[in-house]
């Protein structure tokens, strides 16, 4: 792990601070290590839960079929792609 040189200030209640200090002492670690370990675990879980999206297989098949058959271009867009807008002189 790289050098930790960034500071993150947190506002906590007196109860939270007391709980964190007691838990860190029991675990034989620092409050900073205790809090960052818990935050790291929560962050990994949130990121993991949002990396993928599950869809039913029939919906996925419909999506793939739709991608294989793109909608036709709107006439003005098709015209703009076909006809040159500027002519070289």
N, C-alpha and C. Protein backbone atom coordinates (compact mmCIF):
# COMPACT_ATOMS: atom_id res chain seq x y z
N UNK A 1 0.84 -1.17 0.00
CA UNK A 1 0.00 0.00 0.00
C UNK A 1 0.88 1.23 0.00
N UNK A 2 0.45 2.26 -0.73
CA UNK A 2 1.22 3.49 -0.82
C UNK A 2 1.18 4.30 0.46
N UNK A 3 1.99 5.31 0.47
CA UNK A 3 2.07 6.21 1.62
C UNK A 3 0.75 6.92 1.82
N UNK A 4 0.30 6.97 3.05
CA UNK A 4 -0.96 7.64 3.38
C UNK A 4 -0.65 9.07 3.78
N UNK A 5 -0.91 10.01 2.87
CA UNK A 5 -0.63 11.40 3.18
C UNK A 5 -1.84 12.30 3.00
N UNK A 6 -3.00 11.73 2.79
CA UNK A 6 -4.24 12.48 2.66
C UNK A 6 -4.99 12.44 3.98
N UNK A 7 -5.65 13.54 4.31
CA UNK A 7 -6.38 13.65 5.56
C UNK A 7 -7.87 13.72 5.25
N UNK A 8 -8.66 12.97 6.02
CA UNK A 8 -10.11 13.00 5.91
C UNK A 8 -10.67 13.30 7.29
N UNK A 9 -11.25 14.46 7.44
CA UNK A 9 -11.83 14.85 8.72
C UNK A 9 -13.27 14.39 8.80
N UNK A 10 -13.65 13.83 9.93
CA UNK A 10 -15.01 13.36 10.13
C UNK A 10 -15.61 13.99 11.38
N UNK A 11 -16.87 14.28 11.32
CA UNK A 11 -17.58 14.75 12.51
C UNK A 11 -18.35 13.56 13.06
N UNK A 12 -18.12 13.26 14.33
CA UNK A 12 -18.79 12.14 14.98
C UNK A 12 -19.34 12.60 16.33
N UNK A 13 -20.29 11.84 16.82
CA UNK A 13 -20.84 12.15 18.14
C UNK A 13 -19.87 11.67 19.22
N UNK A 14 -20.11 12.10 20.43
CA UNK A 14 -19.28 11.66 21.55
C UNK A 14 -19.37 10.14 21.71
N UNK A 15 -20.58 9.59 21.53
CA UNK A 15 -20.77 8.15 21.64
C UNK A 15 -19.97 7.42 20.57
N UNK A 16 -20.03 7.91 19.33
CA UNK A 16 -19.29 7.26 18.26
C UNK A 16 -17.79 7.28 18.54
N UNK A 17 -17.28 8.43 18.94
CA UNK A 17 -15.84 8.53 19.22
C UNK A 17 -15.45 7.56 20.33
N UNK A 18 -16.25 7.50 21.38
CA UNK A 18 -15.97 6.60 22.49
C UNK A 18 -15.99 5.14 22.03
N UNK A 19 -17.01 4.79 21.26
CA UNK A 19 -17.11 3.42 20.74
C UNK A 19 -15.91 3.08 19.87
N UNK A 20 -15.52 3.98 18.99
CA UNK A 20 -14.39 3.72 18.09
C UNK A 20 -13.10 3.55 18.89
N UNK A 21 -12.90 4.40 19.89
CA UNK A 21 -11.69 4.31 20.70
C UNK A 21 -11.65 3.00 21.49
N UNK A 22 -12.79 2.61 22.07
CA UNK A 22 -12.85 1.36 22.82
C UNK A 22 -12.63 0.16 21.91
N UNK A 23 -13.28 0.17 20.76
CA UNK A 23 -13.13 -0.95 19.82
C UNK A 23 -11.70 -1.05 19.31
N UNK A 24 -11.09 0.09 19.00
CA UNK A 24 -9.71 0.09 18.51
C UNK A 24 -8.78 -0.46 19.58
N UNK A 25 -8.99 -0.08 20.83
CA UNK A 25 -8.15 -0.56 21.93
C UNK A 25 -8.29 -2.08 22.07
N UNK A 26 -9.52 -2.56 21.99
CA UNK A 26 -9.75 -4.01 22.10
C UNK A 26 -9.13 -4.77 20.94
N UNK A 27 -9.15 -4.16 19.76
CA UNK A 27 -8.59 -4.81 18.57
C UNK A 27 -7.08 -4.63 18.50
N UNK A 28 -6.52 -3.79 19.36
CA UNK A 28 -5.08 -3.56 19.33
C UNK A 28 -4.64 -2.76 18.12
N UNK A 29 -5.47 -1.81 17.71
CA UNK A 29 -5.16 -1.00 16.54
C UNK A 29 -5.47 0.46 16.84
N UNK A 30 -5.32 1.29 15.85
CA UNK A 30 -5.64 2.70 16.02
C UNK A 30 -7.08 2.97 15.57
N UNK A 31 -7.61 4.08 16.05
CA UNK A 31 -8.96 4.48 15.60
C UNK A 31 -8.95 4.69 14.09
N UNK A 32 -7.91 5.30 13.60
CA UNK A 32 -7.80 5.55 12.15
C UNK A 32 -7.84 4.24 11.37
N UNK A 33 -7.08 3.25 11.82
CA UNK A 33 -7.06 1.96 11.13
C UNK A 33 -8.41 1.26 11.22
N UNK A 34 -9.04 1.35 12.39
CA UNK A 34 -10.36 0.73 12.57
C UNK A 34 -11.39 1.36 11.63
N UNK A 35 -11.43 2.68 11.60
CA UNK A 35 -12.42 3.40 10.79
C UNK A 35 -12.15 3.21 9.30
N UNK A 36 -10.90 3.29 8.89
CA UNK A 36 -10.62 3.13 7.46
C UNK A 36 -10.87 1.70 6.99
N UNK A 37 -10.62 0.72 7.84
CA UNK A 37 -10.91 -0.67 7.45
C UNK A 37 -12.41 -0.86 7.24
N UNK A 38 -13.21 -0.30 8.14
CA UNK A 38 -14.67 -0.40 7.99
C UNK A 38 -15.14 0.36 6.75
N UNK A 39 -14.59 1.54 6.52
CA UNK A 39 -14.97 2.33 5.34
C UNK A 39 -14.53 1.64 4.06
N UNK A 40 -13.34 1.04 4.07
CA UNK A 40 -12.86 0.30 2.89
C UNK A 40 -13.80 -0.85 2.55
N UNK A 41 -14.20 -1.61 3.57
CA UNK A 41 -15.10 -2.75 3.34
C UNK A 41 -16.43 -2.29 2.77
N UNK A 42 -16.97 -1.22 3.33
CA UNK A 42 -18.25 -0.69 2.84
C UNK A 42 -18.12 -0.16 1.42
N UNK A 43 -17.05 0.56 1.15
CA UNK A 43 -16.83 1.10 -0.19
C UNK A 43 -16.71 -0.01 -1.23
N UNK A 44 -15.94 -1.07 -0.90
CA UNK A 44 -15.81 -2.21 -1.83
C UNK A 44 -17.17 -2.83 -2.11
N UNK A 45 -17.98 -2.99 -1.07
CA UNK A 45 -19.31 -3.60 -1.24
C UNK A 45 -20.20 -2.74 -2.12
N UNK A 46 -20.22 -1.45 -1.89
CA UNK A 46 -21.05 -0.55 -2.71
C UNK A 46 -20.56 -0.56 -4.15
N UNK A 47 -19.25 -0.50 -4.35
CA UNK A 47 -18.71 -0.52 -5.72
C UNK A 47 -19.00 -1.84 -6.41
N UNK A 48 -18.82 -2.95 -5.70
CA UNK A 48 -19.10 -4.26 -6.28
C UNK A 48 -20.56 -4.38 -6.67
N UNK A 49 -21.45 -3.91 -5.82
CA UNK A 49 -22.89 -4.01 -6.09
C UNK A 49 -23.31 -3.17 -7.29
N UNK A 50 -22.50 -2.18 -7.65
CA UNK A 50 -22.88 -1.29 -8.74
C UNK A 50 -22.04 -1.48 -9.99
N UNK A 51 -21.19 -2.50 -10.02
CA UNK A 51 -20.37 -2.75 -11.20
C UNK A 51 -21.14 -3.46 -12.30
N UNK A 52 -22.10 -4.26 -11.93
CA UNK A 52 -22.83 -5.05 -12.91
C UNK A 52 -24.32 -4.85 -12.73
N UNK A 53 -25.05 -5.23 -13.74
CA UNK A 53 -26.50 -5.17 -13.68
C UNK A 53 -27.03 -6.50 -14.19
N UNK A 54 -27.82 -7.15 -13.38
CA UNK A 54 -28.40 -8.43 -13.78
C UNK A 54 -29.76 -8.20 -14.42
N UNK A 55 -29.98 -8.83 -15.55
CA UNK A 55 -31.28 -8.76 -16.22
C UNK A 55 -31.70 -10.17 -16.59
N UNK A 56 -33.00 -10.41 -16.67
CA UNK A 56 -33.46 -11.74 -17.09
C UNK A 56 -32.93 -12.07 -18.48
N UNK A 57 -32.68 -13.35 -18.72
CA UNK A 57 -32.06 -13.76 -19.98
C UNK A 57 -32.92 -13.39 -21.19
N UNK A 58 -34.26 -13.44 -21.08
CA UNK A 58 -35.09 -13.08 -22.22
C UNK A 58 -34.95 -11.61 -22.56
N UNK A 59 -34.84 -10.75 -21.56
CA UNK A 59 -34.64 -9.32 -21.80
C UNK A 59 -33.27 -9.07 -22.43
N UNK A 60 -32.27 -9.79 -21.97
CA UNK A 60 -30.93 -9.66 -22.55
C UNK A 60 -30.94 -10.08 -24.02
N UNK A 61 -31.64 -11.17 -24.32
CA UNK A 61 -31.75 -11.62 -25.71
C UNK A 61 -32.44 -10.58 -26.58
N UNK A 62 -33.48 -9.94 -26.03
CA UNK A 62 -34.17 -8.87 -26.78
C UNK A 62 -33.23 -7.70 -27.04
N UNK A 63 -32.43 -7.35 -26.04
CA UNK A 63 -31.48 -6.25 -26.19
C UNK A 63 -30.48 -6.57 -27.29
N UNK A 64 -29.92 -7.77 -27.28
CA UNK A 64 -28.97 -8.15 -28.32
C UNK A 64 -29.60 -8.14 -29.70
N UNK A 65 -30.84 -8.61 -29.80
CA UNK A 65 -31.54 -8.61 -31.09
C UNK A 65 -31.76 -7.18 -31.57
N UNK A 66 -32.12 -6.28 -30.66
CA UNK A 66 -32.33 -4.89 -31.03
C UNK A 66 -31.02 -4.24 -31.50
N UNK A 67 -29.92 -4.58 -30.87
CA UNK A 67 -28.64 -4.04 -31.29
C UNK A 67 -28.22 -4.56 -32.65
N UNK A 68 -28.64 -5.78 -32.99
CA UNK A 68 -28.33 -6.35 -34.30
C UNK A 68 -29.18 -5.73 -35.40
N UNK A 69 -30.30 -5.12 -35.05
CA UNK A 69 -31.22 -4.50 -36.02
C UNK A 69 -31.42 -3.03 -35.65
N UNK A 70 -30.43 -2.18 -35.91
CA UNK A 70 -30.58 -0.78 -35.52
C UNK A 70 -31.74 -0.12 -36.25
N UNK A 71 -32.31 0.86 -35.61
CA UNK A 71 -33.43 1.61 -36.20
C UNK A 71 -32.92 2.38 -37.41
N UNK A 72 -33.80 2.60 -38.40
CA UNK A 72 -33.37 3.38 -39.56
C UNK A 72 -33.11 4.83 -39.16
N UNK A 73 -32.25 5.48 -39.94
CA UNK A 73 -31.94 6.87 -39.67
C UNK A 73 -33.14 7.76 -39.99
N UNK A 74 -33.29 8.82 -39.24
CA UNK A 74 -34.32 9.81 -39.55
C UNK A 74 -33.96 10.44 -40.90
N UNK A 75 -34.95 10.71 -41.74
CA UNK A 75 -34.66 11.24 -43.09
C UNK A 75 -33.74 12.46 -43.12
N UNK A 76 -33.91 13.46 -42.24
CA UNK A 76 -32.97 14.59 -42.30
C UNK A 76 -31.53 14.19 -41.99
N UNK A 77 -31.35 13.26 -41.08
CA UNK A 77 -30.01 12.82 -40.76
C UNK A 77 -29.42 12.02 -41.91
N UNK A 78 -30.21 11.16 -42.50
CA UNK A 78 -29.74 10.38 -43.64
C UNK A 78 -29.34 11.30 -44.79
N UNK A 79 -30.16 12.32 -45.05
CA UNK A 79 -29.88 13.29 -46.12
C UNK A 79 -28.56 14.02 -45.82
N UNK A 80 -28.37 14.43 -44.58
CA UNK A 80 -27.15 15.15 -44.21
C UNK A 80 -25.92 14.28 -44.38
N UNK A 81 -26.05 12.99 -44.17
CA UNK A 81 -24.91 12.10 -44.32
C UNK A 81 -24.59 11.80 -45.78
N UNK A 82 -25.60 11.85 -46.62
CA UNK A 82 -25.41 11.49 -48.03
C UNK A 82 -24.98 12.70 -48.87
N UNK A 83 -25.66 13.82 -48.69
CA UNK A 83 -25.40 14.99 -49.51
C UNK A 83 -24.30 15.85 -48.91
N UNK A 84 -23.32 16.21 -49.72
CA UNK A 84 -22.26 17.08 -49.19
C UNK A 84 -22.80 18.46 -48.86
N UNK A 85 -22.40 18.99 -47.76
CA UNK A 85 -22.89 20.30 -47.34
C UNK A 85 -22.01 21.42 -47.93
N UNK A 86 -20.74 21.14 -48.08
CA UNK A 86 -19.81 22.14 -48.61
C UNK A 86 -19.17 21.56 -49.87
N UNK A 87 -18.92 22.44 -50.81
CA UNK A 87 -18.26 22.02 -52.03
C UNK A 87 -16.88 22.66 -52.08
N UNK A 88 -15.92 21.87 -52.56
CA UNK A 88 -14.57 22.40 -52.71
C UNK A 88 -14.54 23.27 -53.94
N UNK A 89 -13.82 24.40 -53.88
CA UNK A 89 -13.71 25.29 -55.04
C UNK A 89 -12.36 25.18 -55.68
